[in-house]
């Protein structure tokens, strides 16, 4: 019984880690990392992302992912919060009213 409970807890913890995966840099990550981190992106689609990036150069915008065969707008929208183009998450610009003036 204890083993069953322990296995259940381990399974639940691994699911939780998958749900709260860290954002992935689509310009540097390998296909497996991309597939593991994103929703509705399996290994074949992740390989297509890496192939596109290799042939065309790094992605300049997240929306460019729609140019990859098999990646649609809905998939991009579902994963937007988990996609990075550089080392750090994109921080939206502050509204003009919050910017400091000199």
PDB file of N, CA and C in Angstrom:
ATOM      1  N   UNK A   1       0.820  -1.192   0.000  1.00  0.00           N
ATOM      2  CA  UNK A   1       0.000   0.000   0.000  1.00  0.00           C
ATOM      3  C   UNK A   1       0.872   1.268   0.000  1.00  0.00           C
ATOM      4  N   UNK A   2       1.938   1.254   0.815  1.00  0.00           N
ATOM      5  CA  UNK A   2       2.831   2.407   0.873  1.00  0.00           C
ATOM      6  C   UNK A   2       3.494   2.641  -0.481  1.00  0.00           C
ATOM      7  N   UNK A   3       3.859   1.551  -1.155  1.00  0.00           N
ATOM      8  CA  UNK A   3       4.489   1.685  -2.467  1.00  0.00           C
ATOM      9  C   UNK A   3       3.530   2.323  -3.465  1.00  0.00           C
ATOM     10  N   UNK A   4       2.277   1.930  -3.415  1.00  0.00           N
ATOM     11  CA  UNK A   4       1.269   2.476  -4.315  1.00  0.00           C
ATOM     12  C   UNK A   4       1.078   3.974  -4.076  1.00  0.00           C
ATOM     13  N   UNK A   5       1.035   4.357  -2.820  1.00  0.00           N
ATOM     14  CA  UNK A   5       0.884   5.776  -2.486  1.00  0.00           C
ATOM     15  C   UNK A   5       2.109   6.558  -2.950  1.00  0.00           C
ATOM     16  N   UNK A   6       3.302   5.994  -2.724  1.00  0.00           N
ATOM     17  CA  UNK A   6       4.533   6.662  -3.128  1.00  0.00           C
ATOM     18  C   UNK A   6       4.595   6.807  -4.644  1.00  0.00           C
ATOM     19  N   UNK A   7       4.240   5.770  -5.378  1.00  0.00           N
ATOM     20  CA  UNK A   7       4.225   5.845  -6.837  1.00  0.00           C
ATOM     21  C   UNK A   7       3.214   6.880  -7.327  1.00  0.00           C
ATOM     22  N   UNK A   8       2.080   6.943  -6.687  1.00  0.00           N
ATOM     23  CA  UNK A   8       1.065   7.936  -7.052  1.00  0.00           C
ATOM     24  C   UNK A   8       1.581   9.355  -6.835  1.00  0.00           C
ATOM     25  N   UNK A   9       2.238   9.569  -5.705  1.00  0.00           N
ATOM     26  CA  UNK A   9       2.793  10.887  -5.417  1.00  0.00           C
ATOM     27  C   UNK A   9       3.887  11.264  -6.414  1.00  0.00           C
ATOM     28  N   UNK A  10       4.746  10.317  -6.754  1.00  0.00           N
ATOM     29  CA  UNK A  10       5.796  10.587  -7.737  1.00  0.00           C
ATOM     30  C   UNK A  10       5.193  10.930  -9.100  1.00  0.00           C
ATOM     31  N   UNK A  11       4.163  10.215  -9.488  1.00  0.00           N
ATOM     32  CA  UNK A  11       3.487  10.504 -10.756  1.00  0.00           C
ATOM     33  C   UNK A  11       2.861  11.883 -10.745  1.00  0.00           C
ATOM     34  N   UNK A  12       2.237  12.238  -9.652  1.00  0.00           N
ATOM     35  CA  UNK A  12       1.619  13.560  -9.525  1.00  0.00           C
ATOM     36  C   UNK A  12       2.675  14.651  -9.556  1.00  0.00           C
ATOM     37  N   UNK A  13       3.804  14.426  -8.897  1.00  0.00           N
ATOM     38  CA  UNK A  13       4.873  15.427  -8.896  1.00  0.00           C
ATOM     39  C   UNK A  13       5.448  15.612 -10.296  1.00  0.00           C
ATOM     40  N   UNK A  14       5.603  14.547 -11.045  1.00  0.00           N
ATOM     41  CA  UNK A  14       6.143  14.689 -12.396  1.00  0.00           C
ATOM     42  C   UNK A  14       5.158  15.428 -13.288  1.00  0.00           C
ATOM     43  N   UNK A  15       3.864  15.213 -13.093  1.00  0.00           N
ATOM     44  CA  UNK A  15       2.857  15.952 -13.853  1.00  0.00           C
ATOM     45  C   UNK A  15       2.920  17.433 -13.496  1.00  0.00           C
ATOM     46  N   UNK A  16       3.063  17.734 -12.226  1.00  0.00           N
ATOM     47  CA  UNK A  16       3.138  19.118 -11.779  1.00  0.00           C
ATOM     48  C   UNK A  16       4.348  19.815 -12.380  1.00  0.00           C
ATOM     49  N   UNK A  17       5.484  19.136 -12.430  1.00  0.00           N
ATOM     50  CA  UNK A  17       6.675  19.734 -13.019  1.00  0.00           C
ATOM     51  C   UNK A  17       6.471  20.030 -14.500  1.00  0.00           C
ATOM     52  N   UNK A  18       5.758  19.168 -15.210  1.00  0.00           N
ATOM     53  CA  UNK A  18       5.495  19.381 -16.627  1.00  0.00           C
ATOM     54  C   UNK A  18       4.593  20.610 -16.822  1.00  0.00           C
ATOM     55  N   UNK A  19       3.608  20.771 -15.963  1.00  0.00           N
ATOM     56  CA  UNK A  19       2.695  21.899 -16.068  1.00  0.00           C
ATOM     57  C   UNK A  19       3.414  23.219 -15.820  1.00  0.00           C
ATOM     58  N   UNK A  20       4.375  23.212 -14.907  1.00  0.00           N
ATOM     59  CA  UNK A  20       5.076  24.426 -14.545  1.00  0.00           C
ATOM     60  C   UNK A  20       6.481  24.474 -15.140  1.00  0.00           C
ATOM     61  N   UNK A  21       6.621  23.970 -16.345  1.00  0.00           N
ATOM     62  CA  UNK A  21       7.933  23.963 -16.999  1.00  0.00           C
ATOM     63  C   UNK A  21       8.388  25.391 -17.269  1.00  0.00           C
ATOM     64  N   UNK A  22       9.686  25.573 -17.276  1.00  0.00           N
ATOM     65  CA  UNK A  22      10.263  26.889 -17.538  1.00  0.00           C
ATOM     66  C   UNK A  22      10.086  27.248 -19.003  1.00  0.00           C
ATOM     67  N   UNK A  23      10.014  28.532 -19.313  1.00  0.00           N
ATOM     68  CA  UNK A  23       9.938  28.950 -20.716  1.00  0.00           C
ATOM     69  C   UNK A  23      11.130  28.415 -21.508  1.00  0.00           C
ATOM     70  N   UNK A  24      10.923  28.230 -22.805  1.00  0.00           N
ATOM     71  CA  UNK A  24      11.958  27.653 -23.661  1.00  0.00           C
ATOM     72  C   UNK A  24      12.365  28.663 -24.734  1.00  0.00           C
ATOM     73  N   UNK A  25      13.664  28.758 -24.966  1.00  0.00           N
ATOM     74  CA  UNK A  25      14.187  29.649 -26.001  1.00  0.00           C
ATOM     75  C   UNK A  25      14.151  28.885 -27.327  1.00  0.00           C
ATOM     76  N   UNK A  26      13.269  29.294 -28.222  1.00  0.00           N
ATOM     77  CA  UNK A  26      13.115  28.576 -29.487  1.00  0.00           C
ATOM     78  C   UNK A  26      14.265  28.824 -30.447  1.00  0.00           C
ATOM     79  N   UNK A  27      15.144  29.750 -30.111  1.00  0.00           N
ATOM     80  CA  UNK A  27      16.308  30.010 -30.954  1.00  0.00           C
ATOM     81  C   UNK A  27      17.537  29.203 -30.545  1.00  0.00           C
ATOM     82  N   UNK A  28      17.495  28.574 -29.380  1.00  0.00           N
ATOM     83  CA  UNK A  28      18.670  27.824 -28.925  1.00  0.00           C
ATOM     84  C   UNK A  28      18.362  26.403 -28.467  1.00  0.00           C
ATOM     85  N   UNK A  29      17.131  26.115 -28.097  1.00  0.00           N
ATOM     86  CA  UNK A  29      16.791  24.810 -27.534  1.00  0.00           C
ATOM     87  C   UNK A  29      16.803  23.719 -28.599  1.00  0.00           C
ATOM     88  N   UNK A  30      17.120  22.505 -28.166  1.00  0.00           N
ATOM     89  CA  UNK A  30      17.052  21.371 -29.075  1.00  0.00           C
ATOM     90  C   UNK A  30      15.599  20.896 -29.180  1.00  0.00           C
ATOM     91  N   UNK A  31      15.345  20.006 -30.113  1.00  0.00           N
ATOM     92  CA  UNK A  31      13.973  19.566 -30.399  1.00  0.00           C
ATOM     93  C   UNK A  31      13.322  18.909 -29.186  1.00  0.00           C
ATOM     94  N   UNK A  32      14.052  18.081 -28.459  1.00  0.00           N
ATOM     95  CA  UNK A  32      13.465  17.404 -27.303  1.00  0.00           C
ATOM     96  C   UNK A  32      13.056  18.408 -26.234  1.00  0.00           C
ATOM     97  N   UNK A  33      13.887  19.391 -25.991  1.00  0.00           N
ATOM     98  CA  UNK A  33      13.572  20.415 -24.990  1.00  0.00           C
ATOM     99  C   UNK A  33      12.324  21.183 -25.396  1.00  0.00           C
ATOM    100  N   UNK A  34      12.224  21.537 -26.665  1.00  0.00           N
ATOM    101  CA  UNK A  34      11.052  22.256 -27.165  1.00  0.00           C
ATOM    102  C   UNK A  34       9.801  21.395 -27.002  1.00  0.00           C
ATOM    103  N   UNK A  35       9.895  20.132 -27.411  1.00  0.00           N
ATOM    104  CA  UNK A  35       8.745  19.229 -27.318  1.00  0.00           C
ATOM    105  C   UNK A  35       8.303  19.032 -25.874  1.00  0.00           C
ATOM    106  N   UNK A  36       9.258  18.913 -24.962  1.00  0.00           N
ATOM    107  CA  UNK A  36       8.929  18.703 -23.551  1.00  0.00           C
ATOM    108  C   UNK A  36       8.301  19.940 -22.912  1.00  0.00           C
ATOM    109  N   UNK A  37       8.667  21.121 -23.390  1.00  0.00           N
ATOM    110  CA  UNK A  37       8.244  22.354 -22.732  1.00  0.00           C
ATOM    111  C   UNK A  37       6.928  22.928 -23.245  1.00  0.00           C
ATOM    112  N   UNK A  38       6.535  22.572 -24.468  1.00  0.00           N
ATOM    113  CA  UNK A  38       5.394  23.247 -25.086  1.00  0.00           C
ATOM    114  C   UNK A  38       4.179  22.340 -25.251  1.00  0.00           C
ATOM    115  N   UNK A  39       3.018  22.946 -25.203  1.00  0.00           N
ATOM    116  CA  UNK A  39       1.750  22.253 -25.359  1.00  0.00           C
ATOM    117  C   UNK A  39       1.455  22.014 -26.835  1.00  0.00           C
ATOM    118  N   UNK A  40       1.008  20.815 -27.149  1.00  0.00           N
ATOM    119  CA  UNK A  40       0.648  20.410 -28.519  1.00  0.00           C
ATOM    120  C   UNK A  40       1.819  20.469 -29.491  1.00  0.00           C
ATOM    121  N   UNK A  41       3.032  20.379 -28.972  1.00  0.00           N
ATOM    122  CA  UNK A  41       4.233  20.320 -29.807  1.00  0.00           C
ATOM    123  C   UNK A  41       4.933  19.007 -29.471  1.00  0.00           C
ATOM    124  N   UNK A  42       4.830  18.065 -30.398  1.00  0.00           N
ATOM    125  CA  UNK A  42       5.534  16.805 -30.222  1.00  0.00           C
ATOM    126  C   UNK A  42       6.929  16.908 -30.814  1.00  0.00           C
ATOM    127  N   UNK A  43       7.615  15.786 -30.827  1.00  0.00           N
ATOM    128  CA  UNK A  43       8.994  15.785 -31.306  1.00  0.00           C
ATOM    129  C   UNK A  43       9.076  16.157 -32.786  1.00  0.00           C
ATOM    130  N   UNK A  44       8.139  15.698 -33.613  1.00  0.00           N
ATOM    131  CA  UNK A  44       8.190  16.017 -35.051  1.00  0.00           C
ATOM    132  C   UNK A  44       8.030  17.514 -35.304  1.00  0.00           C
ATOM    133  N   UNK A  45       7.094  18.149 -34.611  1.00  0.00           N
ATOM    134  CA  UNK A  45       6.917  19.596 -34.779  1.00  0.00           C
ATOM    135  C   UNK A  45       8.113  20.355 -34.216  1.00  0.00           C
ATOM    136  N   UNK A  46       8.651  19.873 -33.110  1.00  0.00           N
ATOM    137  CA  UNK A  46       9.828  20.515 -32.521  1.00  0.00           C
ATOM    138  C   UNK A  46      11.019  20.393 -33.476  1.00  0.00           C
ATOM    139  N   UNK A  47      11.152  19.249 -34.114  1.00  0.00           N
ATOM    140  CA  UNK A  47      12.227  19.075 -35.107  1.00  0.00           C
ATOM    141  C   UNK A  47      12.028  20.019 -36.287  1.00  0.00           C
ATOM    142  N   UNK A  48      10.766  20.250 -36.667  1.00  0.00           N
ATOM    143  CA  UNK A  48      10.475  21.194 -37.753  1.00  0.00           C
ATOM    144  C   UNK A  48      10.870  22.615 -37.353  1.00  0.00           C
ATOM    145  N   UNK A  49      10.668  22.965 -36.086  1.00  0.00           N
ATOM    146  CA  UNK A  49      11.068  24.287 -35.588  1.00  0.00           C
ATOM    147  C   UNK A  49      12.586  24.437 -35.679  1.00  0.00           C
ATOM    148  N   UNK A  50      13.320  23.422 -35.229  1.00  0.00           N
ATOM    149  CA  UNK A  50      14.781  23.473 -35.270  1.00  0.00           C
ATOM    150  C   UNK A  50      15.271  23.524 -36.717  1.00  0.00           C
ATOM    151  N   UNK A  51      14.656  22.746 -37.599  1.00  0.00           N
ATOM    152  CA  UNK A  51      15.053  22.745 -39.014  1.00  0.00           C
ATOM    153  C   UNK A  51      14.821  24.119 -39.641  1.00  0.00           C
ATOM    154  N   UNK A  52      13.656  24.705 -39.378  1.00  0.00           N
ATOM    155  CA  UNK A  52      13.333  26.029 -39.908  1.00  0.00           C
ATOM    156  C   UNK A  52      14.363  27.054 -39.426  1.00  0.00           C
ATOM    157  N   UNK A  53      14.665  27.006 -38.126  1.00  0.00           N
ATOM    158  CA  UNK A  53      15.628  27.936 -37.527  1.00  0.00           C
ATOM    159  C   UNK A  53      17.020  27.751 -38.127  1.00  0.00           C
ATOM    160  N   UNK A  54      17.390  26.525 -38.398  1.00  0.00           N
ATOM    161  CA  UNK A  54      18.697  26.236 -38.977  1.00  0.00           C
ATOM    162  C   UNK A  54      18.795  26.765 -40.406  1.00  0.00           C
ATOM    163  N   UNK A  55      17.714  26.604 -41.160  1.00  0.00           N
ATOM    164  CA  UNK A  55      17.709  27.026 -42.564  1.00  0.00           C
ATOM    165  C   UNK A  55      17.496  28.521 -42.743  1.00  0.00           C
ATOM    166  N   UNK A  56      16.654  29.124 -41.924  1.00  0.00           N
ATOM    167  CA  UNK A  56      16.253  30.527 -42.116  1.00  0.00           C
ATOM    168  C   UNK A  56      16.893  31.502 -41.138  1.00  0.00           C
ATOM    169  N   UNK A  57      17.546  30.991 -40.106  1.00  0.00           N
ATOM    170  CA  UNK A  57      18.109  31.859 -39.083  1.00  0.00           C
ATOM    171  C   UNK A  57      17.176  31.954 -37.889  1.00  0.00           C
ATOM    172  N   UNK A  58      17.613  32.633 -36.844  1.00  0.00           N
ATOM    173  CA  UNK A  58      16.821  32.707 -35.618  1.00  0.00           C
ATOM    174  C   UNK A  58      15.489  33.430 -35.830  1.00  0.00           C
ATOM    175  N   UNK A  59      14.535  33.044 -35.016  1.00  0.00           N
ATOM    176  CA  UNK A  59      13.229  33.704 -35.039  1.00  0.00           C
ATOM    177  C   UNK A  59      13.380  35.109 -34.475  1.00  0.00           C
ATOM    178  N   UNK A  60      12.785  36.077 -35.151  1.00  0.00           N
ATOM    179  CA  UNK A  60      12.825  37.462 -34.680  1.00  0.00           C
ATOM    180  C   UNK A  60      11.582  37.797 -33.864  1.00  0.00           C
ATOM    181  N   UNK A  61      10.480  37.097 -34.170  1.00  0.00           N
ATOM    182  CA  UNK A  61       9.234  37.271 -33.419  1.00  0.00           C
ATOM    183  C   UNK A  61       8.629  35.897 -33.148  1.00  0.00           C
ATOM    184  N   UNK A  62       7.831  35.819 -32.120  1.00  0.00           N
ATOM    185  CA  UNK A  62       7.132  34.572 -31.794  1.00  0.00           C
ATOM    186  C   UNK A  62       6.182  34.200 -32.937  1.00  0.00           C
ATOM    187  N   UNK A  63       5.569  35.201 -33.553  1.00  0.00           N
ATOM    188  CA  UNK A  63       4.601  34.966 -34.611  1.00  0.00           C
ATOM    189  C   UNK A  63       5.217  34.256 -35.832  1.00  0.00           C
ATOM    190  N   UNK A  64       6.542  34.379 -36.009  1.00  0.00           N
ATOM    191  CA  UNK A  64       7.230  33.691 -37.109  1.00  0.00           C
ATOM    192  C   UNK A  64       7.083  32.181 -37.021  1.00  0.00           C
ATOM    193  N   UNK A  65       6.766  31.665 -35.860  1.00  0.00           N
ATOM    194  CA  UNK A  65       6.562  30.222 -35.716  1.00  0.00           C
ATOM    195  C   UNK A  65       5.467  29.717 -36.646  1.00  0.00           C
ATOM    196  N   UNK A  66       4.527  30.583 -37.010  1.00  0.00           N
ATOM    197  CA  UNK A  66       3.443  30.190 -37.915  1.00  0.00           C
ATOM    198  C   UNK A  66       3.978  29.823 -39.297  1.00  0.00           C
ATOM    199  N   UNK A  67       5.200  30.225 -39.625  1.00  0.00           N
ATOM    200  CA  UNK A  67       5.814  29.871 -40.903  1.00  0.00           C
ATOM    201  C   UNK A  67       6.355  28.449 -40.905  1.00  0.00           C
ATOM    202  N   UNK A  68       6.440  27.835 -39.739  1.00  0.00           N
ATOM    203  CA  UNK A  68       6.930  26.460 -39.628  1.00  0.00           C
ATOM    204  C   UNK A  68       5.778  25.514 -39.963  1.00  0.00           C
ATOM    205  N   UNK A  69       5.990  24.583 -40.888  1.00  0.00           N
ATOM    206  CA  UNK A  69       4.925  23.626 -41.228  1.00  0.00           C
ATOM    207  C   UNK A  69       4.433  22.888 -39.978  1.00  0.00           C
ATOM    208  N   UNK A  70       3.114  22.868 -39.803  1.00  0.00           N
ATOM    209  CA  UNK A  70       2.509  22.173 -38.669  1.00  0.00           C
ATOM    210  C   UNK A  70       2.270  23.038 -37.451  1.00  0.00           C
ATOM    211  N   UNK A  71       2.733  24.274 -37.471  1.00  0.00           N
ATOM    212  CA  UNK A  71       2.533  25.173 -36.326  1.00  0.00           C
ATOM    213  C   UNK A  71       1.530  26.239 -36.736  1.00  0.00           C
ATOM    214  N   UNK A  72       0.423  26.296 -36.018  1.00  0.00           N
ATOM    215  CA  UNK A  72      -0.615  27.269 -36.337  1.00  0.00           C
ATOM    216  C   UNK A  72      -0.751  28.340 -35.271  1.00  0.00           C
ATOM    217  N   UNK A  73      -1.603  29.298 -35.568  1.00  0.00           N
ATOM    218  CA  UNK A  73      -1.824  30.427 -34.652  1.00  0.00           C
ATOM    219  C   UNK A  73      -2.320  29.971 -33.282  1.00  0.00           C
ATOM    220  N   UNK A  74      -3.200  28.964 -33.243  1.00  0.00           N
ATOM    221  CA  UNK A  74      -3.727  28.492 -31.960  1.00  0.00           C
ATOM    222  C   UNK A  74      -2.618  27.898 -31.096  1.00  0.00           C
ATOM    223  N   UNK A  75      -1.730  27.154 -31.724  1.00  0.00           N
ATOM    224  CA  UNK A  75      -0.614  26.559 -30.983  1.00  0.00           C
ATOM    225  C   UNK A  75       0.299  27.644 -30.438  1.00  0.00           C
ATOM    226  N   UNK A  76       0.549  28.646 -31.245  1.00  0.00           N
ATOM    227  CA  UNK A  76       1.391  29.765 -30.787  1.00  0.00           C
ATOM    228  C   UNK A  76       0.728  30.460 -29.604  1.00  0.00           C
ATOM    229  N   UNK A  77      -0.550  30.729 -29.714  1.00  0.00           N
ATOM    230  CA  UNK A  77      -1.272  31.430 -28.650  1.00  0.00           C
ATOM    231  C   UNK A  77      -1.250  30.631 -27.344  1.00  0.00           C
ATOM    232  N   UNK A  78      -1.433  29.306 -27.437  1.00  0.00           N
ATOM    233  CA  UNK A  78      -1.413  28.459 -26.241  1.00  0.00           C
ATOM    234  C   UNK A  78      -0.058  28.482 -25.544  1.00  0.00           C
ATOM    235  N   UNK A  79       1.004  28.666 -26.313  1.00  0.00           N
ATOM    236  CA  UNK A  79       2.357  28.559 -25.779  1.00  0.00           C
ATOM    237  C   UNK A  79       3.067  29.891 -25.586  1.00  0.00           C
ATOM    238  N   UNK A  80       2.409  30.987 -25.917  1.00  0.00           N
ATOM    239  CA  UNK A  80       3.064  32.297 -25.919  1.00  0.00           C
ATOM    240  C   UNK A  80       3.807  32.598 -24.618  1.00  0.00           C
ATOM    241  N   UNK A  81       3.225  32.269 -23.487  1.00  0.00           N
ATOM    242  CA  UNK A  81       3.849  32.573 -22.201  1.00  0.00           C
ATOM    243  C   UNK A  81       5.100  31.733 -21.954  1.00  0.00           C
ATOM    244  N   UNK A  82       5.250  30.636 -22.686  1.00  0.00           N
ATOM    245  CA  UNK A  82       6.389  29.738 -22.482  1.00  0.00           C
ATOM    246  C   UNK A  82       7.446  29.849 -23.574  1.00  0.00           C
ATOM    247  N   UNK A  83       7.329  30.828 -24.442  1.00  0.00           N
ATOM    248  CA  UNK A  83       8.263  30.992 -25.558  1.00  0.00           C
ATOM    249  C   UNK A  83       9.201  32.168 -25.326  1.00  0.00           C
ATOM    250  N   UNK A  84      10.471  31.937 -25.552  1.00  0.00           N
ATOM    251  CA  UNK A  84      11.480  32.986 -25.462  1.00  0.00           C
ATOM    252  C   UNK A  84      12.236  33.060 -26.776  1.00  0.00           C
ATOM    253  N   UNK A  85      12.705  34.253 -27.098  1.00  0.00           N
ATOM    254  CA  UNK A  85      13.552  34.450 -28.277  1.00  0.00           C
ATOM    255  C   UNK A  85      15.001  34.693 -27.882  1.00  0.00           C
ATOM    256  N   UNK A  86      15.219  35.115 -26.652  1.00  0.00           N
ATOM    257  CA  UNK A  86      16.554  35.418 -26.153  1.00  0.00           C
ATOM    258  C   UNK A  86      16.757  34.776 -24.796  1.00  0.00           C
ATOM    259  N   UNK A  87      17.706  35.295 -24.032  1.00  0.00           N
ATOM    260  CA  UNK A  87      18.043  34.713 -22.737  1.00  0.00           C
ATOM    261  C   UNK A  87      17.005  34.988 -21.655  1.00  0.00           C
ATOM    262  N   UNK A  88      16.322  36.100 -21.753  1.00  0.00           N
ATOM    263  CA  UNK A  88      15.356  36.468 -20.719  1.00  0.00           C
ATOM    264  C   UNK A  88      13.975  36.605 -21.329  1.00  0.00           C
ATOM    265  N   UNK A  89      12.970  36.466 -20.497  1.00  0.00           N
ATOM    266  CA  UNK A  89      11.595  36.630 -20.960  1.00  0.00           C
ATOM    267  C   UNK A  89      11.383  38.055 -21.435  1.00  0.00           C
ATOM    268  N   UNK A  90      10.590  38.175 -22.469  1.00  0.00           N
ATOM    269  CA  UNK A  90      10.307  39.504 -22.993  1.00  0.00           C
ATOM    270  C   UNK A  90       9.486  40.274 -21.973  1.00  0.00           C
ATOM    271  N   UNK A  91       9.910  41.470 -21.685  1.00  0.00           N
ATOM    272  CA  UNK A  91       9.193  42.340 -20.760  1.00  0.00           C
ATOM    273  C   UNK A  91       8.483  43.390 -21.597  1.00  0.00           C
ATOM    274  N   UNK A  92       7.147  43.472 -21.462  1.00  0.00           N
ATOM    275  CA  UNK A  92       6.444  44.464 -22.257  1.00  0.00           C
ATOM    276  C   UNK A  92       6.889  45.874 -21.906  1.00  0.00           C
ATOM    277  N   UNK A  93       6.931  46.770 -22.882  1.00  0.00           N
ATOM    278  CA  UNK A  93       7.342  48.146 -22.593  1.00  0.00           C
ATOM    279  C   UNK A  93       6.348  48.818 -21.657  1.00  0.00           C
ATOM    280  N   UNK A  94       6.882  49.716 -20.834  1.00  0.00           N
ATOM    281  CA  UNK A  94       6.009  50.454 -19.923  1.00  0.00           C
ATOM    282  C   UNK A  94       5.183  51.464 -20.714  1.00  0.00           C
ATOM    283  N   UNK A  95       3.946  51.680 -20.277  1.00  0.00           N
ATOM    284  CA  UNK A  95       3.138  52.719 -20.926  1.00  0.00           C
ATOM    285  C   UNK A  95       3.825  54.071 -20.790  1.00  0.00           C
ATOM    286  N   UNK A  96       3.568  54.974 -21.717  1.00  0.00           N
ATOM    287  CA  UNK A  96       4.197  56.287 -21.734  1.00  0.00           C
ATOM    288  C   UNK A  96       4.005  57.032 -20.417  1.00  0.00           C
ATOM    289  N   UNK A  97       2.855  56.813 -19.768  1.00  0.00           N
ATOM    290  CA  UNK A  97       2.569  57.529 -18.526  1.00  0.00           C
ATOM    291  C   UNK A  97       3.488  57.067 -17.379  1.00  0.00           C
ATOM    292  N   UNK A  98       4.096  55.865 -17.499  1.00  0.00           N
ATOM    293  CA  UNK A  98       4.970  55.348 -16.448  1.00  0.00           C
ATOM    294  C   UNK A  98       6.432  55.609 -16.724  1.00  0.00           C
ATOM    295  N   UNK A  99       6.777  56.042 -17.921  1.00  0.00           N
ATOM    296  CA  UNK A  99       8.175  56.273 -18.258  1.00  0.00           C
ATOM    297  C   UNK A  99       8.674  57.550 -17.594  1.00  0.00           C
ATOM    298  N   UNK A 100       9.919  57.495 -17.148  1.00  0.00           N
ATOM    299  CA  UNK A 100      10.503  58.672 -16.525  1.00  0.00           C
ATOM    300  C   UNK A 100      11.001  59.610 -17.609  1.00  0.00           C
ATOM    301  N   UNK A 101      10.836  60.884 -17.368  1.00  0.00           N
ATOM    302  CA  UNK A 101      11.350  61.883 -18.314  1.00  0.00           C
ATOM    303  C   UNK A 101      12.485  62.624 -17.637  1.00  0.00           C
ATOM    304  N   UNK A 102      13.462  63.020 -18.431  1.00  0.00           N
ATOM    305  CA  UNK A 102      14.623  63.735 -17.881  1.00  0.00           C
ATOM    306  C   UNK A 102      14.520  65.193 -18.150  1.00  0.00           C
TER     307      UNK A 102
END
